[in-house]
Amino acid sequence: GTVPLNLYHDLADKYNYVLIGSNNSKNGISFDLTGVIANNLISEARTRFAVDETKIALCGFSGGAKVAMLCGAANPYITNIIYCGAKVDLTPTHPIVLFGFAGTKDMNYTDLVSFDRNLEKDPTHPKHYLVEWSGKHEFPTAEVFNDAFVFLKTGKVDNYEKKRVTITPEKVNIEQGFKAKYIKAFQGQDLDWWKKEIAMLNSKKKSDIMYERLLGFLSLACYSIGSGQLQQNNLPVAEKILTIYNMVDPGNKDCESFMAELKRRKGQ
């Protein structure tokens, strides 16, 4: 909970906002529980502080972005949702404004772009903005995040046309196609195929940032699938996924931890 507070407390002081972060909401617990946590924080903000109830916003990064979006869409006291690095489809129960940040090195970049462009096609969509920045899968820097506070204060984004996403719809489709192929390949392709594919991605990542994002996507997918297979004690599948994980993201601490647990269960 302290990470975004430490990043943005100077901005909060500058624009007269109270920041509240949760130390209990985290990946791996149900959206029902994180929703309760978020609603409790909203109630606390309204009862402890003299707040402008037309200016209460939820913000989150990655899994926290999904919590902010789902809870904000359902809680009538939320007027704005700031989401970073991830999105979730939502059906707001009240007027809401969405403000997103998409890092060009973030493996979820094209997911965020597709989400924003799909909103544009929907005549019933909530008001929305998506700012592109040069980061990876992380909270935006304070310099970049300043746009969110300016928007909350004024309802405007300075020089928005210069901050909108730059990728073409054709390139988005190509990247999304790679992701769909890789999800299928976890079951359908052997380790030799993966070794060649990962070598190709590494050889091209310096000339095209898409391939760097795809490597990040595979790392996250391996984390998710590998940990799930370990939880189910499906050791043969877990071993394959973790081997791919190690090829995609060598030296990753989570992968090393999962590998150690796999060996322990195999009695090695």
C-alpha atoms as a PDB file:
ATOM      1  CA  GLY A   1       0.000   0.000   0.000  1.00  0.00           C
ATOM      2  CA  THR A   2       2.898   2.374   0.558  1.00  0.00           C
ATOM      3  CA  VAL A   3       4.280   2.123  -2.987  1.00  0.00           C
ATOM      4  CA  PRO A   4       1.853   4.500  -4.727  1.00  0.00           C
ATOM      5  CA  LEU A   5       1.683   6.721  -1.635  1.00  0.00           C
ATOM      6  CA  ASN A   6       5.453   7.194  -1.696  1.00  0.00           C
ATOM      7  CA  LEU A   7       5.341   7.815  -5.460  1.00  0.00           C
ATOM      8  CA  TYR A   8       2.548  10.359  -5.450  1.00  0.00           C
ATOM      9  CA  HIS A   9       2.343  12.059  -2.024  1.00  0.00           C
ATOM     10  CA  ASP A  10       3.889  15.274  -3.379  1.00  0.00           C
ATOM     11  CA  LEU A  11       1.246  15.361  -6.116  1.00  0.00           C
ATOM     12  CA  ALA A  12      -1.475  14.774  -3.536  1.00  0.00           C
ATOM     13  CA  ASP A  13      -0.197  17.737  -1.510  1.00  0.00           C
ATOM     14  CA  LYS A  14       0.022  19.892  -4.625  1.00  0.00           C
ATOM     15  CA  TYR A  15      -3.541  19.161  -5.756  1.00  0.00           C
ATOM     16  CA  ASN A  16      -5.177  18.890  -2.300  1.00  0.00           C
ATOM     17  CA  TYR A  17      -5.948  15.162  -2.342  1.00  0.00           C
ATOM     18  CA  VAL A  18      -5.882  12.572   0.441  1.00  0.00           C
ATOM     19  CA  LEU A  19      -4.212   9.303  -0.595  1.00  0.00           C
ATOM     20  CA  ILE A  20      -5.231   6.064   1.099  1.00  0.00           C
ATOM     21  CA  GLY A  21      -3.513   2.767   0.257  1.00  0.00           C
ATOM     22  CA  SER A  22      -4.467  -0.745   1.321  1.00  0.00           C
ATOM     23  CA  ASN A  23      -1.931  -3.182   2.754  1.00  0.00           C
ATOM     24  CA  ASN A  24      -4.481  -6.018   2.594  1.00  0.00           C
ATOM     25  CA  SER A  25      -5.663  -6.001  -1.027  1.00  0.00           C
ATOM     26  CA  LYS A  26      -3.353  -8.179  -3.103  1.00  0.00           C
ATOM     27  CA  ASN A  27      -3.244 -10.647  -5.978  1.00  0.00           C
ATOM     28  CA  GLY A  28      -4.478 -14.115  -5.143  1.00  0.00           C
ATOM     29  CA  ILE A  29      -7.534 -13.203  -3.094  1.00  0.00           C
ATOM     30  CA  SER A  30     -11.059 -13.051  -4.494  1.00  0.00           C
ATOM     31  CA  PHE A  31     -12.566  -9.961  -6.084  1.00  0.00           C
ATOM     32  CA  ASP A  32     -15.378 -10.248  -3.535  1.00  0.00           C
ATOM     33  CA  LEU A  33     -12.884  -9.779  -0.708  1.00  0.00           C
ATOM     34  CA  THR A  34     -10.902  -7.008  -2.412  1.00  0.00           C
ATOM     35  CA  GLY A  35     -14.215  -5.293  -3.123  1.00  0.00           C
ATOM     36  CA  VAL A  36     -15.035  -5.328   0.603  1.00  0.00           C
ATOM     37  CA  ILE A  37     -11.591  -3.871   1.356  1.00  0.00           C
ATOM     38  CA  ALA A  38     -12.043  -1.094  -1.213  1.00  0.00           C
ATOM     39  CA  ASN A  39     -15.539  -0.235   0.004  1.00  0.00           C
ATOM     40  CA  ASN A  40     -14.273  -0.061   3.588  1.00  0.00           C
ATOM     41  CA  LEU A  41     -11.572   2.399   2.525  1.00  0.00           C
ATOM     42  CA  ILE A  42     -14.138   4.538   0.712  1.00  0.00           C
ATOM     43  CA  SER A  43     -16.351   4.586   3.811  1.00  0.00           C
ATOM     44  CA  GLU A  44     -13.385   5.505   5.983  1.00  0.00           C
ATOM     45  CA  ALA A  45     -12.426   8.376   3.664  1.00  0.00           C
ATOM     46  CA  ARG A  46     -15.971   9.764   3.766  1.00  0.00           C
ATOM     47  CA  THR A  47     -16.305   9.544   7.554  1.00  0.00           C
ATOM     48  CA  ARG A  48     -12.805  10.560   8.685  1.00  0.00           C
ATOM     49  CA  PHE A  49     -12.137  13.414   6.293  1.00  0.00           C
ATOM     50  CA  ALA A  50     -14.057  16.430   4.989  1.00  0.00           C
ATOM     51  CA  VAL A  51     -13.950  15.262   1.394  1.00  0.00           C
ATOM     52  CA  ASP A  52     -15.593  16.593  -1.757  1.00  0.00           C
ATOM     53  CA  GLU A  53     -17.831  13.622  -2.538  1.00  0.00           C
ATOM     54  CA  THR A  54     -17.881  14.523  -6.232  1.00  0.00           C
ATOM     55  CA  LYS A  55     -14.122  13.911  -6.393  1.00  0.00           C
ATOM     56  CA  ILE A  56     -13.596  10.448  -4.882  1.00  0.00           C
ATOM     57  CA  ALA A  57     -11.485   8.245  -7.170  1.00  0.00           C
ATOM     58  CA  LEU A  58     -10.096   4.715  -7.061  1.00  0.00           C
ATOM     59  CA  CYS A  59      -6.699   3.917  -8.525  1.00  0.00           C
ATOM     60  CA  GLY A  60      -4.890   0.632  -9.038  1.00  0.00           C
ATOM     61  CA  PHE A  61      -2.029  -1.015 -10.885  1.00  0.00           C
ATOM     62  CA  SER A  62      -2.176  -4.464 -12.552  1.00  0.00           C
ATOM     63  CA  GLY A  63      -4.440  -6.688 -10.410  1.00  0.00           C
ATOM     64  CA  GLY A  64      -5.205  -3.600  -8.347  1.00  0.00           C
ATOM     65  CA  ALA A  65      -6.375  -1.833 -11.501  1.00  0.00           C
ATOM     66  CA  LYS A  66      -8.975  -4.563 -11.996  1.00  0.00           C
ATOM     67  CA  VAL A  67     -10.135  -4.185  -8.395  1.00  0.00           C
ATOM     68  CA  ALA A  68     -10.379  -0.392  -8.804  1.00  0.00           C
ATOM     69  CA  MET A  69     -12.397  -0.787 -12.006  1.00  0.00           C
ATOM     70  CA  LEU A  70     -14.820  -3.408 -10.678  1.00  0.00           C
ATOM     71  CA  CYS A  71     -15.383  -1.731  -7.330  1.00  0.00           C
ATOM     72  CA  GLY A  72     -15.545   1.778  -8.796  1.00  0.00           C
ATOM     73  CA  ALA A  73     -18.114   0.706 -11.366  1.00  0.00           C
ATOM     74  CA  ALA A  74     -20.354  -0.647  -8.585  1.00  0.00           C
ATOM     75  CA  ASN A  75     -19.842   1.957  -5.830  1.00  0.00           C
ATOM     76  CA  PRO A  76     -21.962   5.101  -6.361  1.00  0.00           C
ATOM     77  CA  TYR A  77     -19.509   7.299  -4.436  1.00  0.00           C
ATOM     78  CA  ILE A  78     -16.786   6.752  -7.054  1.00  0.00           C
ATOM     79  CA  THR A  79     -16.732   9.251  -9.910  1.00  0.00           C
ATOM     80  CA  ASN A  80     -13.338   8.462 -11.466  1.00  0.00           C
ATOM     81  CA  ILE A  81     -11.229   5.330 -11.911  1.00  0.00           C
ATOM     82  CA  ILE A  82      -7.492   5.543 -12.617  1.00  0.00           C
ATOM     83  CA  TYR A  83      -6.142   2.248 -13.968  1.00  0.00           C
ATOM     84  CA  CYS A  84      -2.553   1.345 -14.782  1.00  0.00           C
ATOM     85  CA  GLY A  85      -1.138  -1.731 -16.520  1.00  0.00           C
ATOM     86  CA  ALA A  86      -4.320  -3.827 -16.719  1.00  0.00           C
ATOM     87  CA  LYS A  87      -8.042  -3.614 -17.389  1.00  0.00           C
ATOM     88  CA  VAL A  88     -11.209  -5.584 -16.866  1.00  0.00           C
ATOM     89  CA  ASP A  89     -14.520  -5.366 -18.703  1.00  0.00           C
ATOM     90  CA  LEU A  90     -17.084  -3.589 -16.573  1.00  0.00           C
ATOM     91  CA  THR A  91     -20.693  -2.433 -16.563  1.00  0.00           C
ATOM     92  CA  PRO A  92     -20.976   0.753 -14.474  1.00  0.00           C
ATOM     93  CA  THR A  93     -24.075   1.225 -12.345  1.00  0.00           C
ATOM     94  CA  HIS A  94     -23.651   5.031 -12.339  1.00  0.00           C
ATOM     95  CA  PRO A  95     -21.816   7.753 -14.316  1.00  0.00           C
ATOM     96  CA  ILE A  96     -18.080   7.095 -14.218  1.00  0.00           C
ATOM     97  CA  VAL A  97     -14.967   8.401 -15.964  1.00  0.00           C
ATOM     98  CA  LEU A  98     -12.049   6.093 -16.837  1.00  0.00           C
ATOM     99  CA  PHE A  99      -8.460   7.325 -17.052  1.00  0.00           C
ATOM    100  CA  GLY A 100      -5.820   4.770 -18.026  1.00  0.00           C
ATOM    101  CA  PHE A 101      -2.034   4.625 -18.386  1.00  0.00           C
ATOM    102  CA  ALA A 102      -0.454   2.268 -20.936  1.00  0.00           C
ATOM    103  CA  GLY A 103       3.322   1.724 -20.883  1.00  0.00           C
ATOM    104  CA  THR A 104       4.831   0.987 -24.286  1.00  0.00           C
ATOM    105  CA  LYS A 105       6.992  -1.755 -22.692  1.00  0.00           C
ATOM    106  CA  ASP A 106       4.095  -3.261 -20.728  1.00  0.00           C
ATOM    107  CA  MET A 107       3.024  -6.770 -21.806  1.00  0.00           C
ATOM    108  CA  ASN A 108      -0.590  -5.609 -21.360  1.00  0.00           C
ATOM    109  CA  TYR A 109      -0.127  -2.587 -23.635  1.00  0.00           C
ATOM    110  CA  THR A 110      -2.200  -3.909 -26.546  1.00  0.00           C
ATOM    111  CA  ASP A 111      -4.895  -5.193 -24.173  1.00  0.00           C
ATOM    112  CA  LEU A 112      -5.263  -1.656 -22.811  1.00  0.00           C
ATOM    113  CA  VAL A 113      -5.285  -0.163 -26.307  1.00  0.00           C
ATOM    114  CA  SER A 114      -7.919  -2.647 -27.506  1.00  0.00           C
ATOM    115  CA  PHE A 115     -10.064  -1.926 -24.446  1.00  0.00           C
ATOM    116  CA  ASP A 116      -9.910   1.820 -25.044  1.00  0.00           C
ATOM    117  CA  ARG A 117     -10.716   1.508 -28.750  1.00  0.00           C
ATOM    118  CA  ASN A 118     -13.616  -0.854 -28.066  1.00  0.00           C
ATOM    119  CA  LEU A 119     -15.045   1.748 -25.690  1.00  0.00           C
ATOM    120  CA  GLU A 120     -14.927   4.268 -28.525  1.00  0.00           C
ATOM    121  CA  LYS A 121     -17.102   1.990 -30.656  1.00  0.00           C
ATOM    122  CA  ASP A 122     -19.741   1.611 -27.938  1.00  0.00           C
ATOM    123  CA  PRO A 123     -22.295   4.472 -27.902  1.00  0.00           C
ATOM    124  CA  THR A 124     -23.136   3.711 -24.253  1.00  0.00           C
ATOM    125  CA  HIS A 125     -19.509   3.696 -23.058  1.00  0.00           C
ATOM    126  CA  PRO A 126     -18.333   5.792 -20.105  1.00  0.00           C
ATOM    127  CA  LYS A 127     -16.126   8.798 -20.740  1.00  0.00           C
ATOM    128  CA  HIS A 128     -12.555   7.556 -21.033  1.00  0.00           C
ATOM    129  CA  TYR A 129      -8.953   8.586 -21.640  1.00  0.00           C
ATOM    130  CA  LEU A 130      -5.797   6.535 -22.209  1.00  0.00           C
ATOM    131  CA  VAL A 131      -2.344   8.099 -21.855  1.00  0.00           C
ATOM    132  CA  GLU A 132       0.689   6.373 -23.355  1.00  0.00           C
ATOM    133  CA  TRP A 133       4.043   6.517 -21.584  1.00  0.00           C
ATOM    134  CA  SER A 134       7.434   4.862 -22.046  1.00  0.00           C
ATOM    135  CA  GLY A 135       7.367   2.545 -19.033  1.00  0.00           C
ATOM    136  CA  LYS A 136       7.016  -1.182 -18.479  1.00  0.00           C
ATOM    137  CA  HIS A 137       4.595  -3.092 -16.198  1.00  0.00           C
ATOM    138  CA  GLU A 138       4.782  -0.694 -13.242  1.00  0.00           C
ATOM    139  CA  PHE A 139       3.126   2.322 -11.666  1.00  0.00           C
ATOM    140  CA  PRO A 140       3.791   5.429 -13.836  1.00  0.00           C
ATOM    141  CA  THR A 141       6.397   7.870 -12.619  1.00  0.00           C
ATOM    142  CA  ALA A 142       5.148  10.889 -10.690  1.00  0.00           C
ATOM    143  CA  GLU A 143       5.928  13.092 -13.693  1.00  0.00           C
ATOM    144  CA  VAL A 144       3.609  10.997 -15.868  1.00  0.00           C
ATOM    145  CA  PHE A 145       0.978  10.444 -13.178  1.00  0.00           C
ATOM    146  CA  ASN A 146       0.634  14.211 -12.780  1.00  0.00           C
ATOM    147  CA  ASP A 147      -1.840  14.012 -15.680  1.00  0.00           C
ATOM    148  CA  ALA A 148      -4.237  11.995 -13.507  1.00  0.00           C
ATOM    149  CA  PHE A 149      -4.274  14.615 -10.756  1.00  0.00           C
ATOM    150  CA  VAL A 150      -4.674  17.446 -13.258  1.00  0.00           C
ATOM    151  CA  PHE A 151      -7.603  15.584 -14.772  1.00  0.00           C
ATOM    152  CA  LEU A 152      -9.232  14.928 -11.399  1.00  0.00           C
ATOM    153  CA  LYS A 153      -8.884  18.630 -10.569  1.00  0.00           C
ATOM    154  CA  THR A 154      -9.892  20.161 -13.916  1.00  0.00           C
ATOM    155  CA  GLY A 155     -11.605  17.464 -15.986  1.00  0.00           C
ATOM    156  CA  LYS A 156      -9.047  18.025 -18.753  1.00  0.00           C
ATOM    157  CA  VAL A 157      -5.859  16.355 -20.024  1.00  0.00           C
ATOM    158  CA  ASP A 158      -3.176  18.797 -21.136  1.00  0.00           C
ATOM    159  CA  ASN A 159      -2.051  18.154 -24.741  1.00  0.00           C
ATOM    160  CA  TYR A 160      -4.058  14.918 -24.824  1.00  0.00           C
ATOM    161  CA  GLU A 161      -3.660  14.438 -28.585  1.00  0.00           C
ATOM    162  CA  LYS A 162       0.108  14.198 -28.097  1.00  0.00           C
ATOM    163  CA  LYS A 163      -0.258  11.642 -25.292  1.00  0.00           C
ATOM    164  CA  ARG A 164      -2.642   9.191 -26.945  1.00  0.00           C
ATOM    165  CA  VAL A 165      -1.464   5.731 -28.037  1.00  0.00           C
ATOM    166  CA  THR A 166       0.613   5.551 -31.205  1.00  0.00           C
ATOM    167  CA  ILE A 167       0.255   1.908 -32.258  1.00  0.00           C
ATOM    168  CA  THR A 168      -1.874   1.142 -35.317  1.00  0.00           C
ATOM    169  CA  PRO A 169      -4.894  -1.204 -35.174  1.00  0.00           C
ATOM    170  CA  GLU A 170      -3.065  -3.571 -37.552  1.00  0.00           C
ATOM    171  CA  LYS A 171      -0.112  -3.924 -35.181  1.00  0.00           C
ATOM    172  CA  VAL A 172      -2.442  -4.433 -32.241  1.00  0.00           C
ATOM    173  CA  ASN A 173      -4.078  -7.320 -34.093  1.00  0.00           C
ATOM    174  CA  ILE A 174      -0.697  -8.867 -34.904  1.00  0.00           C
ATOM    175  CA  GLU A 175       0.415  -8.740 -31.266  1.00  0.00           C
ATOM    176  CA  GLN A 176      -2.876 -10.083 -29.949  1.00  0.00           C
ATOM    177  CA  GLY A 177      -2.556 -12.895 -32.493  1.00  0.00           C
ATOM    178  CA  PHE A 178       0.855 -13.837 -31.090  1.00  0.00           C
ATOM    179  CA  LYS A 179      -0.598 -13.969 -27.580  1.00  0.00           C
ATOM    180  CA  ALA A 180      -3.447 -16.239 -28.656  1.00  0.00           C
ATOM    181  CA  LYS A 181      -0.958 -18.505 -30.429  1.00  0.00           C
ATOM    182  CA  TYR A 182       1.231 -18.790 -27.353  1.00  0.00           C
ATOM    183  CA  ILE A 183      -1.674 -19.657 -25.053  1.00  0.00           C
ATOM    184  CA  LYS A 184      -2.482 -22.600 -27.341  1.00  0.00           C
ATOM    185  CA  ALA A 185       1.188 -23.526 -27.670  1.00  0.00           C
ATOM    186  CA  PHE A 186       1.559 -24.182 -23.944  1.00  0.00           C
ATOM    187  CA  GLN A 187      -0.375 -27.381 -24.566  1.00  0.00           C
ATOM    188  CA  GLY A 188       0.398 -28.083 -28.202  1.00  0.00           C
ATOM    189  CA  GLN A 189       4.131 -27.417 -28.614  1.00  0.00           C
ATOM    190  CA  ASP A 190       7.162 -29.162 -27.161  1.00  0.00           C
ATOM    191  CA  LEU A 191      10.205 -27.592 -25.511  1.00  0.00           C
ATOM    192  CA  ASP A 192      12.261 -27.594 -28.735  1.00  0.00           C
ATOM    193  CA  TRP A 193       9.593 -25.422 -30.394  1.00  0.00           C
ATOM    194  CA  TRP A 194       9.584 -23.085 -27.414  1.00  0.00           C
ATOM    195  CA  LYS A 195      13.365 -22.807 -27.420  1.00  0.00           C
ATOM    196  CA  LYS A 196      13.343 -21.664 -31.061  1.00  0.00           C
ATOM    197  CA  GLU A 197      10.410 -19.300 -30.547  1.00  0.00           C
ATOM    198  CA  ILE A 198      11.967 -17.629 -27.509  1.00  0.00           C
ATOM    199  CA  ALA A 199      15.282 -17.266 -29.364  1.00  0.00           C
ATOM    200  CA  MET A 200      13.384 -15.509 -32.177  1.00  0.00           C
ATOM    201  CA  LEU A 201      11.727 -13.107 -29.725  1.00  0.00           C
ATOM    202  CA  ASN A 202      15.058 -12.270 -28.094  1.00  0.00           C
ATOM    203  CA  SER A 203      16.724 -11.687 -31.472  1.00  0.00           C
ATOM    204  CA  LYS A 204      14.057  -9.151 -32.490  1.00  0.00           C
ATOM    205  CA  LYS A 205      13.298  -7.336 -29.230  1.00  0.00           C
ATOM    206  CA  LYS A 206      15.915  -4.616 -29.762  1.00  0.00           C
ATOM    207  CA  SER A 207      14.514  -3.629 -33.145  1.00  0.00           C
ATOM    208  CA  ASP A 208      10.803  -3.916 -32.292  1.00  0.00           C
ATOM    209  CA  ILE A 209       9.382  -3.303 -28.824  1.00  0.00           C
ATOM    210  CA  MET A 210       6.504  -5.676 -29.555  1.00  0.00           C
ATOM    211  CA  TYR A 211       8.818  -8.650 -29.032  1.00  0.00           C
ATOM    212  CA  GLU A 212       9.927  -7.317 -25.649  1.00  0.00           C
ATOM    213  CA  ARG A 213       6.274  -7.051 -24.631  1.00  0.00           C
ATOM    214  CA  LEU A 214       5.635 -10.597 -25.822  1.00  0.00           C
ATOM    215  CA  LEU A 215       8.476 -11.892 -23.654  1.00  0.00           C
ATOM    216  CA  GLY A 216       6.887 -10.099 -20.703  1.00  0.00           C
ATOM    217  CA  PHE A 217       3.530 -11.625 -21.590  1.00  0.00           C
ATOM    218  CA  LEU A 218       5.044 -15.119 -21.637  1.00  0.00           C
ATOM    219  CA  SER A 219       6.776 -14.538 -18.294  1.00  0.00           C
ATOM    220  CA  LEU A 220       3.514 -13.537 -16.652  1.00  0.00           C
ATOM    221  CA  ALA A 221       1.613 -16.388 -18.315  1.00  0.00           C
ATOM    222  CA  CYS A 222       4.200 -18.907 -17.102  1.00  0.00           C
ATOM    223  CA  TYR A 223       3.972 -17.476 -13.587  1.00  0.00           C
ATOM    224  CA  SER A 224       0.198 -17.828 -13.580  1.00  0.00           C
ATOM    225  CA  ILE A 225      -0.023 -21.258 -15.215  1.00  0.00           C
ATOM    226  CA  GLY A 226       3.009 -22.690 -13.439  1.00  0.00           C
ATOM    227  CA  SER A 227       1.861 -21.664  -9.977  1.00  0.00           C
ATOM    228  CA  GLY A 228      -1.614 -22.990 -10.725  1.00  0.00           C
ATOM    229  CA  GLN A 229      -0.289 -26.371 -11.818  1.00  0.00           C
ATOM    230  CA  LEU A 230       1.850 -26.586  -8.679  1.00  0.00           C
ATOM    231  CA  GLN A 231      -1.199 -25.848  -6.533  1.00  0.00           C
ATOM    232  CA  GLN A 232      -3.013 -28.699  -8.295  1.00  0.00           C
ATOM    233  CA  ASN A 233       0.064 -30.912  -7.868  1.00  0.00           C
ATOM    234  CA  ASN A 234       0.147 -31.534 -11.636  1.00  0.00           C
ATOM    235  CA  LEU A 235       3.917 -31.933 -11.629  1.00  0.00           C
ATOM    236  CA  PRO A 236       4.575 -32.973 -15.285  1.00  0.00           C
ATOM    237  CA  VAL A 237       2.732 -29.935 -16.655  1.00  0.00           C
ATOM    238  CA  ALA A 238       4.229 -27.666 -13.995  1.00  0.00           C
ATOM    239  CA  GLU A 239       7.726 -28.843 -14.962  1.00  0.00           C
ATOM    240  CA  LYS A 240       7.126 -28.054 -18.639  1.00  0.00           C
ATOM    241  CA  ILE A 241       5.718 -24.595 -17.917  1.00  0.00           C
ATOM    242  CA  LEU A 242       8.493 -23.748 -15.459  1.00  0.00           C
ATOM    243  CA  THR A 243      11.125 -24.862 -17.952  1.00  0.00           C
ATOM    244  CA  ILE A 244       9.597 -22.458 -20.482  1.00  0.00           C
ATOM    245  CA  TYR A 245       9.468 -19.800 -17.751  1.00  0.00           C
ATOM    246  CA  ASN A 246      13.199 -20.194 -17.127  1.00  0.00           C
ATOM    247  CA  MET A 247      13.934 -19.852 -20.863  1.00  0.00           C
ATOM    248  CA  VAL A 248      11.735 -16.757 -21.186  1.00  0.00           C
ATOM    249  CA  ASP A 249      12.886 -14.982 -18.020  1.00  0.00           C
ATOM    250  CA  PRO A 250      16.192 -16.433 -16.760  1.00  0.00           C
ATOM    251  CA  GLY A 251      17.037 -15.439 -13.195  1.00  0.00           C
ATOM    252  CA  ASN A 252      13.428 -14.662 -12.292  1.00  0.00           C
ATOM    253  CA  LYS A 253      13.102 -15.153  -8.518  1.00  0.00           C
ATOM    254  CA  ASP A 254       9.541 -16.477  -8.686  1.00  0.00           C
ATOM    255  CA  CYS A 255      10.578 -19.053 -11.251  1.00  0.00           C
ATOM    256  CA  GLU A 256      13.497 -20.148  -9.067  1.00  0.00           C
ATOM    257  CA  SER A 257      11.167 -20.488  -6.091  1.00  0.00           C
ATOM    258  CA  PHE A 258       8.655 -22.560  -8.079  1.00  0.00           C
ATOM    259  CA  MET A 259      11.450 -24.760  -9.423  1.00  0.00           C
ATOM    260  CA  ALA A 260      12.725 -25.412  -5.897  1.00  0.00           C
ATOM    261  CA  GLU A 261       9.205 -26.388  -4.799  1.00  0.00           C
ATOM    262  CA  LEU A 262       8.846 -28.664  -7.834  1.00  0.00           C
ATOM    263  CA  LYS A 263      12.089 -30.462  -6.997  1.00  0.00           C
ATOM    264  CA  ARG A 264      11.055 -30.812  -3.375  1.00  0.00           C
ATOM    265  CA  ARG A 265       7.805 -32.488  -4.374  1.00  0.00           C
ATOM    266  CA  LYS A 266       9.619 -34.809  -6.753  1.00  0.00           C
ATOM    267  CA  GLY A 267      11.928 -35.807  -3.926  1.00  0.00           C
ATOM    268  CA  GLN A 268      15.012 -34.347  -5.548  1.00  0.00           C
END
